[in-house]
Amino acid sequence: MISMTLDHPSAKSRFLLLVRHAFKYYLVGGTGILVNLGILYALTEFAGLWYLLSAGIAIYVSVTSNFALNKKWTFKDYASTQRTLIMYAKFLGISLVGAGIQLGFIYLFVEVMALYYILSAFISIVIAGSVGFILNRRWSFGIKL
C-alpha cells in the first residue's frame, strides 16, 4: 500500500497545484470584491436602489468578471479543453448558490444585527466565496486532483 502523504511526489504536486489555484482564485476573488462593493455602493447611494437589489446586480457582474479572470488565468490549463458557455453555466450555477448564501447573510447582518450594508456584504462575500472555490475548481473547470 502506497502512503498518500506530502512526501509522495504525486500527492505533493497535487497539493502544490491546489495551493497555486487557491492563491490565484482568491486573488481574482479580491478583484471581484472590489467590483461587487463598488457596484453595490454606486447603485445604492447614487441610483437609489434597495441594497438587496443592488447586491444582486453587483453579484452578477462580479461573478461574470471572476469567471473570465479564472478561465484566462487561474485555471487556464484546464479551461482550454472545455466549452466556455458550459463552464460559465456551471460557474454561474454554483455562484447562484453562493449568491443565495450571500444575500441571506447580508439581510441578516443589516436587518437583524444592524450592520452597515457594505460591511455586511464584505463579510457575506467571504462566507459564500469559501464554498465556491472547491465547487468551481472541481465542477466548473473539471479539475479532479
N, C-alpha and C. Protein backbone atom coordinates (compact mmCIF):
# COMPACT_ATOMS: atom_id res chain seq x y z
N MET A 1 0.85 -1.18 0.00
CA MET A 1 0.00 0.00 0.00
C MET A 1 0.89 1.24 0.00
N ILE A 2 0.59 2.18 -0.89
CA ILE A 2 1.37 3.41 -1.01
C ILE A 2 0.74 4.47 -0.11
N SER A 3 1.58 5.10 0.68
CA SER A 3 1.11 6.17 1.56
C SER A 3 0.91 7.44 0.74
N MET A 4 -0.21 8.10 0.90
CA MET A 4 -0.51 9.34 0.18
C MET A 4 -0.19 10.55 1.06
N THR A 5 1.03 10.65 1.48
CA THR A 5 1.46 11.79 2.27
C THR A 5 2.05 12.83 1.34
N LEU A 6 2.43 13.97 1.90
CA LEU A 6 3.05 15.00 1.09
C LEU A 6 4.44 14.61 0.62
N ASP A 7 5.02 13.52 1.20
CA ASP A 7 6.33 13.04 0.75
C ASP A 7 6.23 12.33 -0.59
N HIS A 8 5.07 11.81 -0.91
CA HIS A 8 4.86 11.12 -2.18
C HIS A 8 4.77 12.18 -3.28
N PRO A 9 5.56 12.08 -4.35
CA PRO A 9 5.62 13.13 -5.38
C PRO A 9 4.26 13.50 -5.97
N SER A 10 3.41 12.54 -6.28
CA SER A 10 2.15 12.89 -6.90
C SER A 10 1.23 13.61 -5.92
N ALA A 11 1.26 13.20 -4.68
CA ALA A 11 0.46 13.88 -3.68
C ALA A 11 0.99 15.30 -3.45
N LYS A 12 2.31 15.43 -3.43
CA LYS A 12 2.91 16.75 -3.23
C LYS A 12 2.60 17.67 -4.40
N SER A 13 2.69 17.17 -5.62
CA SER A 13 2.41 18.01 -6.77
C SER A 13 0.93 18.39 -6.83
N ARG A 14 0.06 17.46 -6.45
CA ARG A 14 -1.37 17.79 -6.40
C ARG A 14 -1.64 18.85 -5.35
N PHE A 15 -0.98 18.73 -4.20
CA PHE A 15 -1.15 19.72 -3.14
C PHE A 15 -0.65 21.10 -3.60
N LEU A 16 0.51 21.14 -4.24
CA LEU A 16 1.05 22.42 -4.72
C LEU A 16 0.14 23.05 -5.78
N LEU A 17 -0.44 22.22 -6.63
CA LEU A 17 -1.39 22.72 -7.63
C LEU A 17 -2.62 23.32 -6.94
N LEU A 18 -3.11 22.63 -5.94
CA LEU A 18 -4.25 23.13 -5.18
C LEU A 18 -3.91 24.48 -4.54
N VAL A 19 -2.74 24.59 -3.94
CA VAL A 19 -2.33 25.85 -3.31
C VAL A 19 -2.22 26.96 -4.34
N ARG A 20 -1.60 26.65 -5.49
CA ARG A 20 -1.47 27.65 -6.56
C ARG A 20 -2.84 28.10 -7.05
N HIS A 21 -3.74 27.15 -7.27
CA HIS A 21 -5.08 27.50 -7.71
C HIS A 21 -5.81 28.33 -6.66
N ALA A 22 -5.69 27.94 -5.40
CA ALA A 22 -6.36 28.68 -4.32
C ALA A 22 -5.85 30.11 -4.26
N PHE A 23 -4.53 30.28 -4.36
CA PHE A 23 -3.96 31.63 -4.31
C PHE A 23 -4.51 32.49 -5.45
N LYS A 24 -4.47 31.97 -6.65
CA LYS A 24 -4.96 32.73 -7.80
C LYS A 24 -6.47 32.98 -7.70
N TYR A 25 -7.22 31.96 -7.28
CA TYR A 25 -8.67 32.08 -7.17
C TYR A 25 -9.04 33.18 -6.18
N TYR A 26 -8.36 33.21 -5.04
CA TYR A 26 -8.68 34.23 -4.04
C TYR A 26 -8.16 35.60 -4.43
N LEU A 27 -7.10 35.67 -5.23
CA LEU A 27 -6.65 36.95 -5.76
C LEU A 27 -7.69 37.49 -6.75
N VAL A 28 -8.18 36.65 -7.61
CA VAL A 28 -9.27 37.03 -8.51
C VAL A 28 -10.50 37.42 -7.68
N GLY A 29 -10.77 36.66 -6.64
CA GLY A 29 -11.89 36.97 -5.76
C GLY A 29 -11.75 38.35 -5.13
N GLY A 30 -10.52 38.74 -4.83
CA GLY A 30 -10.29 40.08 -4.28
C GLY A 30 -10.70 41.17 -5.27
N THR A 31 -10.40 40.95 -6.55
CA THR A 31 -10.84 41.93 -7.55
C THR A 31 -12.36 41.90 -7.66
N GLY A 32 -12.94 40.70 -7.51
CA GLY A 32 -14.39 40.58 -7.55
C GLY A 32 -15.05 41.31 -6.39
N ILE A 33 -14.40 41.29 -5.23
CA ILE A 33 -14.93 42.02 -4.07
C ILE A 33 -14.96 43.52 -4.37
N LEU A 34 -13.88 44.01 -4.96
CA LEU A 34 -13.85 45.44 -5.31
C LEU A 34 -14.95 45.80 -6.31
N VAL A 35 -15.10 44.96 -7.33
CA VAL A 35 -16.16 45.18 -8.33
C VAL A 35 -17.53 45.13 -7.64
N ASN A 36 -17.74 44.10 -6.83
CA ASN A 36 -19.01 43.89 -6.15
C ASN A 36 -19.36 45.07 -5.25
N LEU A 37 -18.46 45.43 -4.37
CA LEU A 37 -18.75 46.50 -3.41
C LEU A 37 -18.87 47.86 -4.10
N GLY A 38 -18.08 48.09 -5.15
CA GLY A 38 -18.19 49.34 -5.89
C GLY A 38 -19.55 49.49 -6.56
N ILE A 39 -20.00 48.43 -7.20
CA ILE A 39 -21.31 48.47 -7.85
C ILE A 39 -22.43 48.57 -6.81
N LEU A 40 -22.30 47.80 -5.75
CA LEU A 40 -23.29 47.85 -4.66
C LEU A 40 -23.43 49.27 -4.14
N TYR A 41 -22.32 49.91 -3.85
CA TYR A 41 -22.34 51.27 -3.31
C TYR A 41 -22.93 52.25 -4.32
N ALA A 42 -22.47 52.18 -5.56
CA ALA A 42 -22.95 53.11 -6.59
C ALA A 42 -24.45 52.97 -6.83
N LEU A 43 -24.92 51.74 -6.94
CA LEU A 43 -26.35 51.54 -7.21
C LEU A 43 -27.22 51.93 -6.01
N THR A 44 -26.72 51.71 -4.81
CA THR A 44 -27.49 52.04 -3.61
C THR A 44 -27.46 53.53 -3.33
N GLU A 45 -26.27 54.11 -3.33
CA GLU A 45 -26.12 55.51 -2.94
C GLU A 45 -26.48 56.50 -4.05
N PHE A 46 -26.11 56.19 -5.27
CA PHE A 46 -26.30 57.15 -6.36
C PHE A 46 -27.55 56.87 -7.20
N ALA A 47 -27.88 55.60 -7.40
CA ALA A 47 -29.07 55.27 -8.19
C ALA A 47 -30.30 55.09 -7.31
N GLY A 48 -30.09 55.00 -5.99
CA GLY A 48 -31.22 54.91 -5.05
C GLY A 48 -31.91 53.56 -5.00
N LEU A 49 -31.24 52.51 -5.47
CA LEU A 49 -31.85 51.18 -5.42
C LEU A 49 -31.77 50.61 -4.00
N TRP A 50 -32.69 49.71 -3.69
CA TRP A 50 -32.69 48.99 -2.41
C TRP A 50 -31.41 48.18 -2.34
N TYR A 51 -30.77 48.12 -1.18
CA TYR A 51 -29.45 47.50 -1.06
C TYR A 51 -29.44 46.04 -1.50
N LEU A 52 -30.52 45.30 -1.30
CA LEU A 52 -30.52 43.89 -1.73
C LEU A 52 -30.62 43.76 -3.25
N LEU A 53 -31.35 44.65 -3.90
CA LEU A 53 -31.41 44.64 -5.36
C LEU A 53 -30.03 45.03 -5.92
N SER A 54 -29.43 46.06 -5.34
CA SER A 54 -28.08 46.46 -5.74
C SER A 54 -27.10 45.31 -5.55
N ALA A 55 -27.23 44.60 -4.44
CA ALA A 55 -26.34 43.47 -4.15
C ALA A 55 -26.50 42.37 -5.19
N GLY A 56 -27.72 42.08 -5.59
CA GLY A 56 -27.96 41.06 -6.61
C GLY A 56 -27.31 41.41 -7.94
N ILE A 57 -27.44 42.66 -8.35
CA ILE A 57 -26.82 43.11 -9.59
C ILE A 57 -25.30 43.06 -9.46
N ALA A 58 -24.79 43.53 -8.34
CA ALA A 58 -23.34 43.53 -8.10
C ALA A 58 -22.77 42.12 -8.10
N ILE A 59 -23.52 41.18 -7.53
CA ILE A 59 -23.08 39.78 -7.51
C ILE A 59 -22.95 39.26 -8.94
N TYR A 60 -23.97 39.51 -9.76
CA TYR A 60 -23.94 39.01 -11.14
C TYR A 60 -22.74 39.56 -11.91
N VAL A 61 -22.50 40.86 -11.81
CA VAL A 61 -21.39 41.47 -12.54
C VAL A 61 -20.05 40.92 -12.04
N SER A 62 -19.89 40.82 -10.73
CA SER A 62 -18.62 40.33 -10.19
C SER A 62 -18.41 38.84 -10.49
N VAL A 63 -19.48 38.07 -10.51
CA VAL A 63 -19.37 36.65 -10.87
C VAL A 63 -18.89 36.52 -12.31
N THR A 64 -19.43 37.32 -13.20
CA THR A 64 -19.03 37.26 -14.60
C THR A 64 -17.57 37.68 -14.78
N SER A 65 -17.15 38.74 -14.10
CA SER A 65 -15.74 39.14 -14.22
C SER A 65 -14.83 38.10 -13.58
N ASN A 66 -15.25 37.51 -12.47
CA ASN A 66 -14.45 36.46 -11.83
C ASN A 66 -14.32 35.23 -12.73
N PHE A 67 -15.40 34.87 -13.41
CA PHE A 67 -15.33 33.73 -14.32
C PHE A 67 -14.29 33.97 -15.41
N ALA A 68 -14.37 35.15 -16.02
CA ALA A 68 -13.44 35.46 -17.12
C ALA A 68 -11.99 35.41 -16.63
N LEU A 69 -11.72 36.01 -15.49
CA LEU A 69 -10.35 36.00 -14.95
C LEU A 69 -9.89 34.60 -14.56
N ASN A 70 -10.77 33.84 -13.93
CA ASN A 70 -10.40 32.47 -13.54
C ASN A 70 -10.17 31.59 -14.76
N LYS A 71 -10.97 31.77 -15.79
CA LYS A 71 -10.80 30.97 -17.00
C LYS A 71 -9.48 31.30 -17.70
N LYS A 72 -9.16 32.58 -17.78
CA LYS A 72 -7.96 33.01 -18.51
C LYS A 72 -6.68 32.89 -17.69
N TRP A 73 -6.78 32.86 -16.36
CA TRP A 73 -5.56 32.90 -15.55
C TRP A 73 -5.47 31.74 -14.55
N THR A 74 -6.43 31.62 -13.65
CA THR A 74 -6.33 30.63 -12.57
C THR A 74 -6.33 29.20 -13.10
N PHE A 75 -7.29 28.88 -13.94
CA PHE A 75 -7.47 27.51 -14.42
C PHE A 75 -7.22 27.40 -15.92
N LYS A 76 -6.35 28.24 -16.47
CA LYS A 76 -6.17 28.31 -17.92
C LYS A 76 -5.75 26.98 -18.55
N ASP A 77 -4.96 26.18 -17.85
CA ASP A 77 -4.52 24.90 -18.41
C ASP A 77 -5.65 23.88 -18.50
N TYR A 78 -6.67 24.04 -17.69
CA TYR A 78 -7.79 23.11 -17.68
C TYR A 78 -8.98 23.65 -18.46
N ALA A 79 -9.12 24.97 -18.46
CA ALA A 79 -10.28 25.59 -19.10
C ALA A 79 -10.23 25.50 -20.62
N SER A 80 -9.06 25.33 -21.20
CA SER A 80 -8.95 25.32 -22.66
C SER A 80 -9.55 24.07 -23.28
N THR A 81 -9.79 23.04 -22.49
CA THR A 81 -10.33 21.80 -23.04
C THR A 81 -11.85 21.73 -22.97
N GLN A 82 -12.49 22.77 -22.44
CA GLN A 82 -13.93 22.76 -22.28
C GLN A 82 -14.57 23.93 -23.02
N ARG A 83 -15.84 23.81 -23.29
CA ARG A 83 -16.58 24.89 -23.93
C ARG A 83 -16.86 25.99 -22.91
N THR A 84 -16.61 27.22 -23.31
CA THR A 84 -16.76 28.37 -22.41
C THR A 84 -18.18 28.51 -21.90
N LEU A 85 -19.15 28.35 -22.76
CA LEU A 85 -20.55 28.52 -22.35
C LEU A 85 -20.95 27.49 -21.30
N ILE A 86 -20.49 26.26 -21.45
CA ILE A 86 -20.80 25.21 -20.48
C ILE A 86 -20.10 25.51 -19.15
N MET A 87 -18.83 25.91 -19.21
CA MET A 87 -18.12 26.28 -17.98
C MET A 87 -18.80 27.45 -17.29
N TYR A 88 -19.20 28.46 -18.07
CA TYR A 88 -19.86 29.64 -17.49
C TYR A 88 -21.18 29.25 -16.84
N ALA A 89 -21.94 28.37 -17.49
CA ALA A 89 -23.22 27.93 -16.92
C ALA A 89 -22.99 27.21 -15.58
N LYS A 90 -21.98 26.36 -15.52
CA LYS A 90 -21.65 25.68 -14.26
C LYS A 90 -21.20 26.68 -13.21
N PHE A 91 -20.32 27.59 -13.61
CA PHE A 91 -19.80 28.61 -12.69
C PHE A 91 -20.95 29.47 -12.17
N LEU A 92 -21.84 29.87 -13.07
CA LEU A 92 -22.99 30.68 -12.68
C LEU A 92 -23.93 29.91 -11.76
N GLY A 93 -24.13 28.62 -12.03
CA GLY A 93 -24.98 27.80 -11.17
C GLY A 93 -24.44 27.73 -9.74
N ILE A 94 -23.16 27.48 -9.64
CA ILE A 94 -22.53 27.46 -8.31
C ILE A 94 -22.60 28.84 -7.67
N SER A 95 -22.39 29.86 -8.48
CA SER A 95 -22.43 31.22 -7.96
C SER A 95 -23.82 31.62 -7.50
N LEU A 96 -24.85 31.07 -8.11
CA LEU A 96 -26.22 31.35 -7.66
C LEU A 96 -26.45 30.80 -6.25
N VAL A 97 -25.88 29.64 -5.98
CA VAL A 97 -25.95 29.11 -4.61
C VAL A 97 -25.23 30.06 -3.66
N GLY A 98 -24.03 30.49 -4.07
CA GLY A 98 -23.28 31.45 -3.28
C GLY A 98 -24.01 32.77 -3.13
N ALA A 99 -24.69 33.20 -4.19
CA ALA A 99 -25.46 34.45 -4.14
C ALA A 99 -26.60 34.35 -3.12
N GLY A 100 -27.25 33.20 -3.10
CA GLY A 100 -28.31 32.99 -2.11
C GLY A 100 -27.77 33.07 -0.69
N ILE A 101 -26.62 32.43 -0.48
CA ILE A 101 -25.97 32.49 0.83
C ILE A 101 -25.60 33.94 1.16
N GLN A 102 -25.00 34.60 0.17
CA GLN A 102 -24.54 35.98 0.38
C GLN A 102 -25.71 36.92 0.68
N LEU A 103 -26.76 36.86 -0.12
CA LEU A 103 -27.92 37.74 0.10
C LEU A 103 -28.60 37.46 1.44
N GLY A 104 -28.67 36.18 1.81
CA GLY A 104 -29.26 35.83 3.10
C GLY A 104 -28.47 36.41 4.27
N PHE A 105 -27.14 36.30 4.19
CA PHE A 105 -26.31 36.86 5.25
C PHE A 105 -26.34 38.38 5.26
N ILE A 106 -26.35 39.00 4.08
CA ILE A 106 -26.44 40.47 4.04
C ILE A 106 -27.72 40.91 4.75
N TYR A 107 -28.82 40.30 4.40
CA TYR A 107 -30.10 40.65 5.03
C TYR A 107 -30.04 40.45 6.54
N LEU A 108 -29.52 39.31 6.97
CA LEU A 108 -29.39 39.03 8.40
C LEU A 108 -28.54 40.07 9.11
N PHE A 109 -27.37 40.38 8.52
CA PHE A 109 -26.47 41.33 9.15
C PHE A 109 -27.05 42.75 9.19
N VAL A 110 -27.74 43.16 8.14
CA VAL A 110 -28.30 44.51 8.09
C VAL A 110 -29.56 44.63 8.93
N GLU A 111 -30.50 43.73 8.69
CA GLU A 111 -31.81 43.86 9.32
C GLU A 111 -31.86 43.37 10.77
N VAL A 112 -31.12 42.33 11.08
CA VAL A 112 -31.16 41.77 12.43
C VAL A 112 -30.05 42.32 13.31
N MET A 113 -28.84 42.43 12.74
CA MET A 113 -27.70 42.85 13.54
C MET A 113 -27.36 44.34 13.37
N ALA A 114 -28.07 45.02 12.48
CA ALA A 114 -27.92 46.45 12.24
C ALA A 114 -26.50 46.86 11.82
N LEU A 115 -25.84 46.01 11.01
CA LEU A 115 -24.53 46.35 10.48
C LEU A 115 -24.70 47.18 9.20
N TYR A 116 -23.72 47.99 8.89
CA TYR A 116 -23.69 48.78 7.66
C TYR A 116 -23.72 47.81 6.47
N TYR A 117 -24.49 48.14 5.43
CA TYR A 117 -24.69 47.19 4.33
C TYR A 117 -23.40 46.84 3.59
N ILE A 118 -22.44 47.74 3.50
CA ILE A 118 -21.19 47.43 2.81
C ILE A 118 -20.37 46.43 3.64
N LEU A 119 -20.29 46.64 4.94
CA LEU A 119 -19.60 45.68 5.82
C LEU A 119 -20.30 44.33 5.78
N SER A 120 -21.62 44.35 5.80
CA SER A 120 -22.40 43.11 5.71
C SER A 120 -22.11 42.37 4.41
N ALA A 121 -22.02 43.11 3.32
CA ALA A 121 -21.73 42.50 2.02
C ALA A 121 -20.34 41.88 2.02
N PHE A 122 -19.36 42.59 2.57
CA PHE A 122 -17.99 42.07 2.60
C PHE A 122 -17.92 40.76 3.38
N ILE A 123 -18.49 40.73 4.56
CA ILE A 123 -18.48 39.52 5.39
C ILE A 123 -19.20 38.38 4.65
N SER A 124 -20.31 38.70 4.02
CA SER A 124 -21.09 37.70 3.30
C SER A 124 -20.35 37.14 2.09
N ILE A 125 -19.58 37.99 1.42
CA ILE A 125 -18.78 37.54 0.27
C ILE A 125 -17.74 36.52 0.73
N VAL A 126 -17.09 36.81 1.85
CA VAL A 126 -16.07 35.90 2.38
C VAL A 126 -16.69 34.54 2.72
N ILE A 127 -17.85 34.57 3.35
CA ILE A 127 -18.52 33.32 3.73
C ILE A 127 -18.90 32.51 2.48
N ALA A 128 -19.57 33.15 1.53
CA ALA A 128 -20.04 32.44 0.34
C ALA A 128 -18.89 32.05 -0.59
N GLY A 129 -17.85 32.85 -0.65
CA GLY A 129 -16.73 32.58 -1.54
C GLY A 129 -15.93 31.35 -1.16
N SER A 130 -15.92 31.01 0.09
CA SER A 130 -15.17 29.84 0.54
C SER A 130 -15.74 28.55 -0.05
N VAL A 131 -17.03 28.49 -0.16
CA VAL A 131 -17.68 27.32 -0.74
C VAL A 131 -17.41 27.25 -2.25
N GLY A 132 -17.41 28.40 -2.88
CA GLY A 132 -17.27 28.47 -4.33
C GLY A 132 -15.97 27.93 -4.88
N PHE A 133 -14.85 28.11 -4.17
CA PHE A 133 -13.56 27.66 -4.69
C PHE A 133 -13.55 26.17 -4.98
N ILE A 134 -13.88 25.37 -3.99
CA ILE A 134 -13.83 23.91 -4.16
C ILE A 134 -14.82 23.45 -5.23
N LEU A 135 -16.03 23.97 -5.16
CA LEU A 135 -17.05 23.54 -6.13
C LEU A 135 -16.68 23.96 -7.56
N ASN A 136 -16.22 25.20 -7.74
CA ASN A 136 -15.86 25.65 -9.09
C ASN A 136 -14.63 24.96 -9.62
N ARG A 137 -13.66 24.73 -8.77
CA ARG A 137 -12.42 24.06 -9.21
C ARG A 137 -12.75 22.68 -9.76
N ARG A 138 -13.61 21.98 -9.05
CA ARG A 138 -13.91 20.60 -9.42
C ARG A 138 -14.95 20.52 -10.54
N TRP A 139 -16.05 21.24 -10.40
CA TRP A 139 -17.18 21.06 -11.32
C TRP A 139 -17.08 21.97 -12.53
N SER A 140 -16.89 23.27 -12.33
CA SER A 140 -16.88 24.21 -13.46
C SER A 140 -15.68 24.02 -14.35
N PHE A 141 -14.49 23.86 -13.74
CA PHE A 141 -13.27 23.78 -14.52
C PHE A 141 -12.76 22.35 -14.66
N GLY A 142 -13.45 21.38 -14.05
CA GLY A 142 -13.16 19.98 -14.28
C GLY A 142 -11.85 19.44 -13.72
N ILE A 143 -11.36 20.04 -12.63
CA ILE A 143 -10.10 19.60 -12.05
C ILE A 143 -10.40 18.54 -11.00
N LYS A 144 -9.95 17.33 -11.25
CA LYS A 144 -10.25 16.19 -10.38
C LYS A 144 -9.18 15.96 -9.33
N LEU A 145 -8.07 16.68 -9.41
CA LEU A 145 -6.94 16.45 -8.49
C LEU A 145 -7.26 16.88 -7.09
